[in-house]
């Protein structure tokens, strides 16, 4: 099986996450997507927990498969910052999948409880890894993979909008801005998968490794 075909897992991961966000509220009476976080849908004790976990089942595994295939595909890239960006993004995916599985939001418990504190720690790590990775990819890929560099800038802007909005805007729209942050990383992983499927990394390597002709 060719490595590039694993890129479809990034798209499946996005579809699984989107289905969870869209349909899990059906099992959560009174859920307000404008003001409530996505993590509330899968929180321990939430009425929608079972449905959310079912719909989101492919998000983590498929996301990991896709990004690890991308890590293999970018080996030998001339831009070290680009490679580091991909590796940081892979680390973010692992922290997301393992961290939130170990420390889901505990509904009904105080935010100072150990589980909820660790949930916040995981969230901070995910945001930091995401920011570093997107910046490195945007800078390192501007010549070899310019379209991916643009996507990194767009997703970084969406993530920043979400982070600023959740802190500065009224709590009534917290959920709206939080979705800018969460979806930015999931969408970018799908974009990486599409780049892998379409051979963009191979083409970029071929172009950058062509010997220069001396005049």
N, C-alpha and C. Protein backbone atom coordinates (compact mmCIF):
# COMPACT_ATOMS: atom_id res chain seq x y z
N UNK A 1 0.84 -1.20 0.00
CA UNK A 1 0.00 0.00 0.00
C UNK A 1 0.88 1.25 0.00
N UNK A 2 0.63 2.18 -0.93
CA UNK A 2 1.42 3.39 -1.01
C UNK A 2 1.11 4.30 0.17
N UNK A 3 2.16 4.96 0.63
CA UNK A 3 2.04 5.82 1.80
C UNK A 3 1.01 6.92 1.58
N UNK A 4 0.94 7.46 0.36
CA UNK A 4 0.07 8.60 0.11
C UNK A 4 -1.40 8.30 0.35
N UNK A 5 -1.81 7.04 0.20
CA UNK A 5 -3.22 6.69 0.40
C UNK A 5 -3.66 6.86 1.85
N UNK A 6 -2.69 6.85 2.77
CA UNK A 6 -3.04 7.03 4.19
C UNK A 6 -3.51 8.45 4.48
N UNK A 7 -3.28 9.36 3.53
CA UNK A 7 -3.73 10.73 3.71
C UNK A 7 -5.23 10.85 3.85
N UNK A 8 -5.97 9.88 3.31
CA UNK A 8 -7.43 9.93 3.41
C UNK A 8 -7.88 9.84 4.87
N UNK A 9 -7.01 9.30 5.72
CA UNK A 9 -7.36 9.19 7.14
C UNK A 9 -7.52 10.58 7.77
N UNK A 10 -6.78 11.57 7.26
CA UNK A 10 -6.93 12.93 7.76
C UNK A 10 -8.32 13.48 7.47
N UNK A 11 -8.85 13.15 6.30
CA UNK A 11 -10.19 13.60 5.93
C UNK A 11 -11.23 12.88 6.79
N UNK A 12 -11.03 11.58 7.00
CA UNK A 12 -11.97 10.81 7.83
C UNK A 12 -11.98 11.36 9.25
N UNK A 13 -10.81 11.73 9.75
CA UNK A 13 -10.71 12.30 11.09
C UNK A 13 -11.54 13.57 11.19
N UNK A 14 -11.44 14.44 10.19
CA UNK A 14 -12.22 15.68 10.16
C UNK A 14 -13.72 15.39 10.11
N UNK A 15 -14.12 14.44 9.29
CA UNK A 15 -15.54 14.09 9.17
C UNK A 15 -16.09 13.53 10.48
N UNK A 16 -15.29 12.71 11.16
CA UNK A 16 -15.72 12.12 12.43
C UNK A 16 -15.90 13.21 13.49
N UNK A 17 -14.96 14.13 13.56
CA UNK A 17 -15.04 15.22 14.53
C UNK A 17 -16.23 16.13 14.23
N UNK A 18 -16.42 16.43 12.95
CA UNK A 18 -17.54 17.29 12.55
C UNK A 18 -18.88 16.65 12.90
N UNK A 19 -18.99 15.34 12.66
CA UNK A 19 -20.23 14.63 12.99
C UNK A 19 -20.50 14.69 14.49
N UNK A 20 -19.44 14.56 15.29
CA UNK A 20 -19.61 14.64 16.75
C UNK A 20 -20.11 16.02 17.17
N UNK A 21 -19.51 17.06 16.60
CA UNK A 21 -19.88 18.43 16.96
C UNK A 21 -21.32 18.75 16.53
N UNK A 22 -21.72 18.25 15.36
CA UNK A 22 -23.03 18.58 14.81
C UNK A 22 -24.17 17.79 15.44
N UNK A 23 -23.93 16.49 15.68
CA UNK A 23 -25.04 15.62 16.07
C UNK A 23 -25.11 15.25 17.55
N UNK A 24 -24.00 15.36 18.27
CA UNK A 24 -24.03 15.04 19.70
C UNK A 24 -24.99 15.91 20.50
N UNK A 25 -25.16 17.21 20.14
CA UNK A 25 -26.12 18.03 20.89
C UNK A 25 -27.54 17.49 20.87
N UNK A 26 -27.87 16.61 19.92
CA UNK A 26 -29.20 16.02 19.88
C UNK A 26 -29.48 15.18 21.12
N UNK A 27 -28.41 14.68 21.74
CA UNK A 27 -28.56 13.85 22.95
C UNK A 27 -28.28 14.64 24.22
N UNK A 28 -28.17 15.96 24.08
CA UNK A 28 -27.86 16.81 25.23
C UNK A 28 -28.93 17.89 25.34
N UNK A 29 -30.02 17.62 26.06
CA UNK A 29 -31.09 18.63 26.21
C UNK A 29 -30.56 19.94 26.81
N UNK A 30 -30.88 21.03 26.15
CA UNK A 30 -30.46 22.33 26.67
C UNK A 30 -29.07 22.77 26.27
N UNK A 31 -28.39 21.95 25.46
CA UNK A 31 -27.03 22.32 25.04
C UNK A 31 -27.10 23.53 24.12
N UNK A 32 -26.28 24.54 24.40
CA UNK A 32 -26.23 25.77 23.61
C UNK A 32 -24.84 25.88 22.99
N UNK A 33 -24.75 25.60 21.68
CA UNK A 33 -23.44 25.57 21.04
C UNK A 33 -22.77 26.95 21.01
N UNK A 34 -23.55 28.01 21.12
CA UNK A 34 -22.98 29.35 21.11
C UNK A 34 -22.18 29.66 22.37
N UNK A 35 -22.63 29.11 23.49
CA UNK A 35 -22.00 29.46 24.76
C UNK A 35 -21.23 28.31 25.40
N UNK A 36 -21.46 27.07 24.96
CA UNK A 36 -20.84 25.91 25.60
C UNK A 36 -19.73 25.32 24.75
N UNK A 37 -18.75 24.74 25.42
CA UNK A 37 -17.58 24.18 24.74
C UNK A 37 -17.89 22.85 24.08
N UNK A 38 -17.07 22.49 23.10
CA UNK A 38 -17.22 21.18 22.44
C UNK A 38 -16.96 20.06 23.44
N UNK A 39 -15.98 20.28 24.33
CA UNK A 39 -15.63 19.24 25.31
C UNK A 39 -16.77 18.91 26.25
N UNK A 40 -17.75 19.81 26.39
CA UNK A 40 -18.92 19.53 27.23
C UNK A 40 -19.72 18.35 26.68
N UNK A 41 -19.65 18.14 25.38
CA UNK A 41 -20.43 17.07 24.75
C UNK A 41 -19.92 15.68 25.14
N UNK A 42 -18.60 15.57 25.37
CA UNK A 42 -18.02 14.27 25.71
C UNK A 42 -17.54 14.21 27.16
N UNK A 43 -17.94 15.19 27.95
CA UNK A 43 -17.50 15.23 29.34
C UNK A 43 -18.06 14.06 30.13
N UNK A 44 -17.32 13.65 31.16
CA UNK A 44 -17.81 12.59 32.05
C UNK A 44 -19.13 13.01 32.68
N UNK A 45 -20.15 12.19 32.49
CA UNK A 45 -21.45 12.49 33.07
C UNK A 45 -22.37 13.26 32.16
N UNK A 46 -21.89 13.70 31.01
CA UNK A 46 -22.75 14.44 30.07
C UNK A 46 -23.75 13.48 29.43
N UNK A 47 -24.99 13.91 29.22
CA UNK A 47 -25.98 13.03 28.60
C UNK A 47 -25.63 12.61 27.18
N UNK A 48 -24.77 13.38 26.53
CA UNK A 48 -24.38 13.08 25.15
C UNK A 48 -23.05 12.34 25.07
N UNK A 49 -22.49 11.96 26.21
CA UNK A 49 -21.15 11.35 26.23
C UNK A 49 -21.05 10.12 25.33
N UNK A 50 -22.01 9.22 25.45
CA UNK A 50 -21.95 7.97 24.68
C UNK A 50 -22.02 8.24 23.18
N UNK A 51 -22.94 9.11 22.76
CA UNK A 51 -23.08 9.43 21.34
C UNK A 51 -21.84 10.16 20.83
N UNK A 52 -21.32 11.08 21.64
CA UNK A 52 -20.13 11.83 21.23
C UNK A 52 -18.94 10.91 21.02
N UNK A 53 -18.76 9.97 21.93
CA UNK A 53 -17.63 9.03 21.80
C UNK A 53 -17.81 8.13 20.59
N UNK A 54 -19.04 7.75 20.30
CA UNK A 54 -19.31 6.91 19.13
C UNK A 54 -19.00 7.66 17.84
N UNK A 55 -19.52 8.87 17.71
CA UNK A 55 -19.31 9.65 16.48
C UNK A 55 -17.86 10.08 16.32
N UNK A 56 -17.17 10.26 17.44
CA UNK A 56 -15.79 10.76 17.41
C UNK A 56 -14.76 9.63 17.41
N UNK A 57 -15.21 8.39 17.26
CA UNK A 57 -14.33 7.23 17.41
C UNK A 57 -13.18 7.23 16.40
N UNK A 58 -13.42 7.74 15.20
CA UNK A 58 -12.39 7.70 14.16
C UNK A 58 -11.50 8.94 14.16
N UNK A 59 -11.88 9.94 14.93
CA UNK A 59 -11.12 11.19 14.93
C UNK A 59 -9.66 10.98 15.34
N UNK A 60 -9.46 10.39 16.51
CA UNK A 60 -8.11 10.21 17.03
C UNK A 60 -7.26 9.24 16.23
N UNK A 61 -7.70 7.99 16.07
CA UNK A 61 -6.88 7.01 15.34
C UNK A 61 -6.56 7.44 13.91
N UNK A 62 -7.55 7.93 13.20
CA UNK A 62 -7.31 8.34 11.80
C UNK A 62 -6.41 9.57 11.73
N UNK A 63 -6.59 10.49 12.66
CA UNK A 63 -5.74 11.67 12.69
C UNK A 63 -4.28 11.31 12.92
N UNK A 64 -4.04 10.35 13.83
CA UNK A 64 -2.68 9.91 14.12
C UNK A 64 -2.06 9.20 12.92
N UNK A 65 -2.81 8.31 12.29
CA UNK A 65 -2.30 7.58 11.12
C UNK A 65 -1.89 8.56 10.02
N UNK A 66 -2.74 9.55 9.76
CA UNK A 66 -2.47 10.52 8.70
C UNK A 66 -1.22 11.35 8.99
N UNK A 67 -1.13 11.91 10.19
CA UNK A 67 0.00 12.80 10.48
C UNK A 67 1.31 12.02 10.56
N UNK A 68 1.29 10.76 11.02
CA UNK A 68 2.51 9.97 11.07
C UNK A 68 2.98 9.62 9.66
N UNK A 69 2.02 9.39 8.74
CA UNK A 69 2.38 9.15 7.35
C UNK A 69 3.01 10.40 6.75
N UNK A 70 2.49 11.57 7.12
CA UNK A 70 3.06 12.84 6.65
C UNK A 70 4.49 13.00 7.19
N UNK A 71 4.70 12.63 8.44
CA UNK A 71 6.04 12.71 9.03
C UNK A 71 7.05 11.89 8.23
N UNK A 72 6.63 10.72 7.79
CA UNK A 72 7.50 9.87 6.97
C UNK A 72 7.73 10.53 5.61
N UNK A 73 6.68 11.12 5.04
CA UNK A 73 6.76 11.71 3.70
C UNK A 73 7.69 12.91 3.63
N UNK A 74 7.83 13.66 4.74
CA UNK A 74 8.65 14.88 4.70
C UNK A 74 10.08 14.64 5.15
N UNK A 75 10.47 13.41 5.37
CA UNK A 75 11.86 13.12 5.71
C UNK A 75 12.78 13.59 4.58
N UNK A 76 13.85 14.22 4.93
CA UNK A 76 14.79 14.67 3.92
C UNK A 76 14.45 16.01 3.30
N UNK A 77 13.38 16.65 3.76
CA UNK A 77 13.04 17.98 3.26
C UNK A 77 14.19 18.94 3.56
N UNK A 78 14.50 19.81 2.59
CA UNK A 78 15.61 20.73 2.77
C UNK A 78 15.33 21.76 3.86
N UNK A 79 14.05 22.09 4.05
CA UNK A 79 13.69 23.08 5.06
C UNK A 79 13.52 22.40 6.42
N UNK A 80 14.48 22.64 7.31
CA UNK A 80 14.42 22.04 8.63
C UNK A 80 13.25 22.58 9.44
N UNK A 81 12.96 23.88 9.28
CA UNK A 81 11.84 24.46 10.02
C UNK A 81 10.52 23.83 9.60
N UNK A 82 10.38 23.48 8.32
CA UNK A 82 9.17 22.83 7.85
C UNK A 82 9.02 21.46 8.50
N UNK A 83 10.11 20.69 8.51
CA UNK A 83 10.06 19.37 9.13
C UNK A 83 9.72 19.48 10.61
N UNK A 84 10.35 20.42 11.30
CA UNK A 84 10.06 20.60 12.72
C UNK A 84 8.60 20.96 12.94
N UNK A 85 8.06 21.79 12.05
CA UNK A 85 6.65 22.15 12.16
C UNK A 85 5.74 20.94 12.06
N UNK A 86 6.04 20.06 11.12
CA UNK A 86 5.26 18.83 10.97
C UNK A 86 5.38 17.95 12.21
N UNK A 87 6.60 17.86 12.76
CA UNK A 87 6.81 17.02 13.94
C UNK A 87 6.10 17.61 15.17
N UNK A 88 6.11 18.92 15.30
CA UNK A 88 5.38 19.56 16.40
C UNK A 88 3.87 19.32 16.24
N UNK A 89 3.39 19.36 15.00
CA UNK A 89 1.97 19.12 14.77
C UNK A 89 1.62 17.67 15.13
N UNK A 90 2.52 16.74 14.81
CA UNK A 90 2.30 15.34 15.18
C UNK A 90 2.27 15.19 16.70
N UNK A 91 3.16 15.90 17.38
CA UNK A 91 3.17 15.85 18.85
C UNK A 91 1.86 16.38 19.41
N UNK A 92 1.34 17.45 18.78
CA UNK A 92 0.06 18.01 19.21
C UNK A 92 -1.06 16.98 19.05
N UNK A 93 -1.03 16.24 17.95
CA UNK A 93 -2.06 15.22 17.73
C UNK A 93 -2.00 14.14 18.80
N UNK A 94 -0.81 13.71 19.16
CA UNK A 94 -0.66 12.68 20.19
C UNK A 94 -1.14 13.20 21.54
N UNK A 95 -0.78 14.44 21.88
CA UNK A 95 -1.22 15.02 23.15
C UNK A 95 -2.74 15.14 23.18
N UNK A 96 -3.34 15.52 22.04
CA UNK A 96 -4.79 15.63 21.95
C UNK A 96 -5.47 14.30 22.20
N UNK A 97 -5.03 13.28 21.47
CA UNK A 97 -5.69 11.97 21.54
C UNK A 97 -5.49 11.32 22.91
N UNK A 98 -4.25 11.30 23.38
CA UNK A 98 -3.95 10.63 24.66
C UNK A 98 -4.40 11.48 25.85
N UNK A 99 -4.10 12.78 25.79
CA UNK A 99 -4.39 13.65 26.92
C UNK A 99 -5.87 13.78 27.23
N UNK A 100 -6.68 14.03 26.20
CA UNK A 100 -8.12 14.19 26.44
C UNK A 100 -8.79 12.86 26.78
N UNK A 101 -8.17 11.76 26.33
CA UNK A 101 -8.72 10.45 26.69
C UNK A 101 -8.46 10.16 28.16
N UNK A 102 -7.29 10.56 28.63
CA UNK A 102 -6.94 10.33 30.03
C UNK A 102 -7.65 11.30 30.97
N UNK A 103 -7.82 12.54 30.51
CA UNK A 103 -8.38 13.58 31.37
C UNK A 103 -9.53 14.31 30.68
N UNK A 104 -10.66 13.62 30.49
CA UNK A 104 -11.82 14.32 29.92
C UNK A 104 -12.38 15.31 30.94
N UNK A 105 -13.08 16.30 30.43
CA UNK A 105 -13.71 17.27 31.32
C UNK A 105 -14.72 16.55 32.22
N UNK A 106 -14.65 16.81 33.52
CA UNK A 106 -15.54 16.16 34.48
C UNK A 106 -16.68 17.10 34.82
N UNK A 107 -17.85 16.82 34.27
CA UNK A 107 -19.01 17.67 34.56
C UNK A 107 -19.46 17.47 35.99
N UNK A 108 -19.87 18.55 36.61
CA UNK A 108 -20.36 18.46 37.98
C UNK A 108 -19.26 18.59 39.02
N UNK A 109 -18.00 18.57 38.58
CA UNK A 109 -16.89 18.75 39.50
C UNK A 109 -16.34 20.16 39.37
N UNK A 110 -15.75 20.63 40.46
CA UNK A 110 -15.15 21.97 40.46
C UNK A 110 -13.96 21.99 39.50
N UNK A 111 -13.72 23.14 38.86
CA UNK A 111 -12.62 23.24 37.91
C UNK A 111 -11.25 23.12 38.59
N UNK A 112 -11.24 23.16 39.92
CA UNK A 112 -9.98 22.99 40.64
C UNK A 112 -9.68 21.52 40.95
N UNK A 113 -10.57 20.62 40.54
CA UNK A 113 -10.33 19.20 40.75
C UNK A 113 -9.16 18.75 39.88
N UNK A 114 -8.48 17.68 40.29
CA UNK A 114 -7.29 17.21 39.58
C UNK A 114 -7.58 16.92 38.11
N UNK A 115 -8.68 16.22 37.85
CA UNK A 115 -9.00 15.85 36.47
C UNK A 115 -9.23 17.07 35.59
N UNK A 116 -9.95 18.04 36.10
CA UNK A 116 -10.23 19.24 35.30
C UNK A 116 -8.99 20.13 35.14
N UNK A 117 -8.13 20.15 36.17
CA UNK A 117 -6.88 20.89 36.04
C UNK A 117 -6.01 20.26 34.95
N UNK A 118 -5.94 18.91 34.94
CA UNK A 118 -5.15 18.23 33.91
C UNK A 118 -5.76 18.43 32.53
N UNK A 119 -7.08 18.52 32.48
CA UNK A 119 -7.76 18.80 31.20
C UNK A 119 -7.32 20.16 30.66
N UNK A 120 -7.21 21.13 31.54
CA UNK A 120 -6.76 22.47 31.14
C UNK A 120 -5.30 22.43 30.71
N UNK A 121 -4.47 21.66 31.45
CA UNK A 121 -3.05 21.53 31.09
C UNK A 121 -2.91 20.95 29.69
N UNK A 122 -3.69 19.91 29.40
CA UNK A 122 -3.66 19.31 28.07
C UNK A 122 -4.05 20.33 27.01
N UNK A 123 -5.08 21.12 27.30
CA UNK A 123 -5.53 22.14 26.36
C UNK A 123 -4.44 23.17 26.09
N UNK A 124 -3.74 23.60 27.14
CA UNK A 124 -2.65 24.57 26.97
C UNK A 124 -1.54 23.98 26.10
N UNK A 125 -1.18 22.72 26.35
CA UNK A 125 -0.14 22.07 25.55
C UNK A 125 -0.55 21.95 24.09
N UNK A 126 -1.82 21.59 23.86
CA UNK A 126 -2.33 21.47 22.49
C UNK A 126 -2.22 22.81 21.76
N UNK A 127 -2.61 23.88 22.43
CA UNK A 127 -2.57 25.21 21.82
C UNK A 127 -1.13 25.62 21.53
N UNK A 128 -0.22 25.40 22.49
CA UNK A 128 1.18 25.79 22.30
C UNK A 128 1.82 25.02 21.14
N UNK A 129 1.64 23.70 21.12
CA UNK A 129 2.19 22.89 20.03
C UNK A 129 1.60 23.32 18.69
N UNK A 130 0.31 23.62 18.68
CA UNK A 130 -0.35 24.03 17.44
C UNK A 130 0.22 25.34 16.91
N UNK A 131 0.39 26.32 17.81
CA UNK A 131 0.91 27.63 17.41
C UNK A 131 2.33 27.50 16.84
N UNK A 132 3.19 26.78 17.57
CA UNK A 132 4.58 26.61 17.12
C UNK A 132 4.62 25.89 15.78
N UNK A 133 3.85 24.83 15.64
CA UNK A 133 3.88 24.04 14.40
C UNK A 133 3.39 24.84 13.20
N UNK A 134 2.30 25.58 13.37
CA UNK A 134 1.75 26.35 12.25
C UNK A 134 2.69 27.46 11.81
N UNK A 135 3.35 28.10 12.77
CA UNK A 135 4.31 29.15 12.42
C UNK A 135 5.49 28.56 11.65
N UNK A 136 6.03 27.45 12.13
CA UNK A 136 7.17 26.81 11.47
C UNK A 136 6.81 26.34 10.07
N UNK A 137 5.61 25.78 9.92
CA UNK A 137 5.18 25.29 8.60
C UNK A 137 4.95 26.46 7.65
N UNK A 138 4.37 27.53 8.16
CA UNK A 138 4.11 28.71 7.33
C UNK A 138 5.42 29.31 6.82
N UNK A 139 6.41 29.37 7.69
CA UNK A 139 7.71 29.96 7.31
C UNK A 139 8.52 28.99 6.45
N UNK A 140 8.59 27.73 6.90
CA UNK A 140 9.43 26.76 6.20
C UNK A 140 8.88 26.27 4.87
N UNK A 141 7.56 26.41 4.68
CA UNK A 141 6.97 25.88 3.45
C UNK A 141 6.64 26.93 2.42
N UNK A 142 7.04 28.18 2.66
CA UNK A 142 6.62 29.27 1.76
C UNK A 142 7.21 29.12 0.36
N UNK A 143 8.36 28.45 0.21
CA UNK A 143 8.97 28.26 -1.11
C UNK A 143 8.67 26.88 -1.69
N UNK A 144 8.75 25.85 -0.85
CA UNK A 144 8.58 24.49 -1.35
C UNK A 144 7.12 24.07 -1.48
N UNK A 145 6.29 24.46 -0.50
CA UNK A 145 4.86 24.12 -0.54
C UNK A 145 4.05 25.37 -0.20
N UNK A 146 4.01 26.36 -1.11
CA UNK A 146 3.38 27.65 -0.80
C UNK A 146 1.91 27.55 -0.44
N UNK A 147 1.17 26.63 -1.08
CA UNK A 147 -0.26 26.51 -0.76
C UNK A 147 -0.47 26.04 0.67
N UNK A 148 0.40 25.13 1.13
CA UNK A 148 0.29 24.65 2.52
C UNK A 148 0.69 25.76 3.49
N UNK A 149 1.64 26.58 3.09
CA UNK A 149 2.05 27.72 3.91
C UNK A 149 0.87 28.67 4.12
N UNK A 150 0.10 28.89 3.05
CA UNK A 150 -1.08 29.75 3.15
C UNK A 150 -2.11 29.14 4.10
N UNK A 151 -2.33 27.84 3.98
CA UNK A 151 -3.27 27.15 4.86
C UNK A 151 -2.83 27.27 6.32
N UNK A 152 -1.53 27.16 6.55
CA UNK A 152 -1.01 27.28 7.92
C UNK A 152 -1.30 28.67 8.48
N UNK A 153 -1.15 29.70 7.65
CA UNK A 153 -1.43 31.07 8.08
C UNK A 153 -2.92 31.24 8.39
N UNK A 154 -3.78 30.69 7.53
CA UNK A 154 -5.22 30.80 7.72
C UNK A 154 -5.65 30.10 9.01
N UNK A 155 -5.15 28.89 9.21
CA UNK A 155 -5.51 28.13 10.41
C UNK A 155 -4.94 28.77 11.66
N UNK A 156 -3.74 29.36 11.55
CA UNK A 156 -3.16 30.08 12.69
C UNK A 156 -4.02 31.29 13.06
N UNK A 157 -4.48 32.02 12.03
CA UNK A 157 -5.35 33.18 12.27
C UNK A 157 -6.65 32.76 12.93
N UNK A 158 -7.23 31.63 12.48
CA UNK A 158 -8.47 31.13 13.07
C UNK A 158 -8.25 30.73 14.53
N UNK A 159 -7.09 30.11 14.79
CA UNK A 159 -6.78 29.70 16.15
C UNK A 159 -6.62 30.90 17.07
N UNK A 160 -5.95 31.94 16.58
CA UNK A 160 -5.76 33.16 17.36
C UNK A 160 -7.10 33.87 17.60
N UNK A 161 -7.95 33.88 16.56
CA UNK A 161 -9.28 34.48 16.71
C UNK A 161 -10.07 33.75 17.78
N UNK A 162 -9.97 32.43 17.78
CA UNK A 162 -10.67 31.65 18.79
C UNK A 162 -10.14 31.90 20.19
N UNK A 163 -8.80 31.96 20.31
CA UNK A 163 -8.18 32.18 21.63
C UNK A 163 -8.53 33.56 22.17
N UNK A 164 -8.46 34.57 21.32
CA UNK A 164 -8.77 35.93 21.75
C UNK A 164 -10.26 36.07 22.05
N UNK A 165 -11.09 35.48 21.18
CA UNK A 165 -12.53 35.59 21.35
C UNK A 165 -13.04 34.94 22.62
N UNK A 166 -12.50 33.76 22.97
CA UNK A 166 -12.95 33.07 24.18
C UNK A 166 -12.56 33.83 25.44
N UNK A 167 -11.47 34.61 25.34
CA UNK A 167 -11.04 35.36 26.52
C UNK A 167 -11.62 36.75 26.62
N UNK A 168 -11.89 37.36 25.48
CA UNK A 168 -12.31 38.77 25.48
C UNK A 168 -13.81 38.97 25.27
N UNK A 169 -14.45 38.04 24.57
CA UNK A 169 -15.86 38.21 24.25
C UNK A 169 -16.75 37.69 25.38
N UNK A 170 -18.03 38.06 25.39
CA UNK A 170 -18.95 37.58 26.43
C UNK A 170 -19.07 36.05 26.42
N UNK A 171 -19.37 35.49 27.60
CA UNK A 171 -19.51 34.05 27.71
C UNK A 171 -20.65 33.50 26.85
N UNK A 172 -21.56 34.37 26.44
CA UNK A 172 -22.68 33.95 25.62
C UNK A 172 -22.24 33.46 24.24
N UNK A 173 -21.02 33.85 23.82
CA UNK A 173 -20.52 33.41 22.51
C UNK A 173 -19.20 32.64 22.67
N UNK A 174 -18.94 32.13 23.86
CA UNK A 174 -17.71 31.37 24.12
C UNK A 174 -17.59 30.18 23.16
N UNK A 175 -18.68 29.42 23.01
CA UNK A 175 -18.65 28.23 22.18
C UNK A 175 -18.36 28.52 20.72
N UNK A 176 -18.85 29.63 20.23
CA UNK A 176 -18.61 30.01 18.84
C UNK A 176 -17.13 30.21 18.59
N UNK A 177 -16.48 31.00 19.44
CA UNK A 177 -15.06 31.28 19.23
C UNK A 177 -14.19 30.07 19.54
N UNK A 178 -14.63 29.24 20.49
CA UNK A 178 -13.86 28.04 20.80
C UNK A 178 -13.78 27.12 19.60
N UNK A 179 -14.82 27.10 18.78
CA UNK A 179 -14.84 26.24 17.60
C UNK A 179 -13.84 26.70 16.53
N UNK A 180 -13.53 27.99 16.51
CA UNK A 180 -12.48 28.46 15.60
C UNK A 180 -11.15 27.79 15.95
N UNK A 181 -10.88 27.68 17.24
CA UNK A 181 -9.62 27.08 17.70
C UNK A 181 -9.59 25.59 17.45
N UNK A 182 -10.66 24.90 17.84
CA UNK A 182 -10.65 23.44 17.72
C UNK A 182 -10.66 22.97 16.26
N UNK A 183 -11.46 23.62 15.44
CA UNK A 183 -11.56 23.18 14.05
C UNK A 183 -10.31 23.54 13.25
N UNK A 184 -9.58 24.58 13.64
CA UNK A 184 -8.40 24.98 12.86
C UNK A 184 -7.38 23.84 12.78
N UNK A 185 -7.13 23.18 13.91
CA UNK A 185 -6.16 22.09 13.92
C UNK A 185 -6.68 20.87 13.17
N UNK A 186 -7.97 20.55 13.35
CA UNK A 186 -8.55 19.37 12.69
C UNK A 186 -8.58 19.57 11.18
N UNK A 187 -8.93 20.77 10.74
CA UNK A 187 -8.95 21.07 9.31
C UNK A 187 -7.55 21.01 8.73
N UNK A 188 -6.56 21.54 9.47
CA UNK A 188 -5.20 21.54 8.94
C UNK A 188 -4.66 20.12 8.81
N UNK A 189 -5.02 19.25 9.73
CA UNK A 189 -4.60 17.85 9.61
C UNK A 189 -5.18 17.22 8.35
N UNK A 190 -6.43 17.58 8.03
CA UNK A 190 -7.04 17.07 6.80
C UNK A 190 -6.33 17.64 5.57
N UNK A 191 -5.93 18.90 5.64
CA UNK A 191 -5.18 19.53 4.53
C UNK A 191 -3.85 18.82 4.32
N UNK A 192 -3.17 18.49 5.42
CA UNK A 192 -1.92 17.73 5.31
C UNK A 192 -2.16 16.38 4.65
N UNK A 193 -3.27 15.74 5.01
CA UNK A 193 -3.60 14.46 4.40
C UNK A 193 -3.84 14.59 2.91
N UNK A 194 -4.51 15.66 2.50
CA UNK A 194 -4.76 15.90 1.08
C UNK A 194 -3.44 16.15 0.34
N UNK A 195 -2.54 16.92 0.96
CA UNK A 195 -1.22 17.16 0.36
C UNK A 195 -0.47 15.85 0.17
N UNK A 196 -0.59 14.97 1.15
CA UNK A 196 0.06 13.66 1.05
C UNK A 196 -0.54 12.85 -0.09
N UNK A 197 -1.86 12.84 -0.20
CA UNK A 197 -2.55 12.07 -1.24
C UNK A 197 -2.22 12.57 -2.65
N UNK A 198 -2.09 13.87 -2.79
CA UNK A 198 -1.85 14.46 -4.11
C UNK A 198 -0.37 14.55 -4.47
N UNK A 199 0.49 14.06 -3.59
CA UNK A 199 1.91 14.02 -3.91
C UNK A 199 2.64 15.36 -3.81
N UNK A 200 2.08 16.32 -3.08
CA UNK A 200 2.71 17.65 -2.99
C UNK A 200 4.07 17.59 -2.33
N UNK A 201 4.25 16.72 -1.35
CA UNK A 201 5.53 16.65 -0.67
C UNK A 201 6.61 16.07 -1.59
N UNK A 202 6.24 15.07 -2.39
CA UNK A 202 7.20 14.49 -3.33
C UNK A 202 7.59 15.51 -4.39
N UNK A 203 6.61 16.24 -4.91
CA UNK A 203 6.88 17.25 -5.93
C UNK A 203 7.77 18.36 -5.37
N UNK A 204 7.48 18.77 -4.14
CA UNK A 204 8.27 19.83 -3.51
C UNK A 204 9.71 19.38 -3.32
N UNK A 205 9.90 18.12 -2.94
CA UNK A 205 11.26 17.61 -2.74
C UNK A 205 12.01 17.56 -4.06
N UNK A 206 11.32 17.13 -5.10
CA UNK A 206 11.96 17.04 -6.42
C UNK A 206 12.41 18.42 -6.91
N UNK A 207 11.57 19.43 -6.67
CA UNK A 207 11.89 20.78 -7.13
C UNK A 207 13.07 21.35 -6.36
N UNK A 208 13.01 21.21 -5.03
CA UNK A 208 14.06 21.81 -4.19
C UNK A 208 15.38 21.08 -4.30
N UNK A 209 15.36 19.82 -4.72
CA UNK A 209 16.60 19.05 -4.80
C UNK A 209 17.23 19.09 -6.19
N UNK A 210 16.60 19.76 -7.14
CA UNK A 210 17.18 19.87 -8.47
C UNK A 210 18.47 20.68 -8.38
N UNK A 211 19.55 20.18 -8.99
CA UNK A 211 20.83 20.93 -8.93
C UNK A 211 20.73 22.25 -9.66
N UNK A 212 21.35 23.26 -9.11
CA UNK A 212 21.34 24.56 -9.75
C UNK A 212 22.35 24.60 -10.89
N UNK A 213 21.97 25.21 -11.98
CA UNK A 213 22.84 25.32 -13.13
C UNK A 213 23.70 26.56 -12.99
N UNK A 214 24.99 26.39 -13.05
CA UNK A 214 25.89 27.53 -12.92
C UNK A 214 25.90 28.35 -14.21
N UNK A 215 25.81 29.64 -14.09
CA UNK A 215 25.82 30.52 -15.24
C UNK A 215 27.26 30.83 -15.65
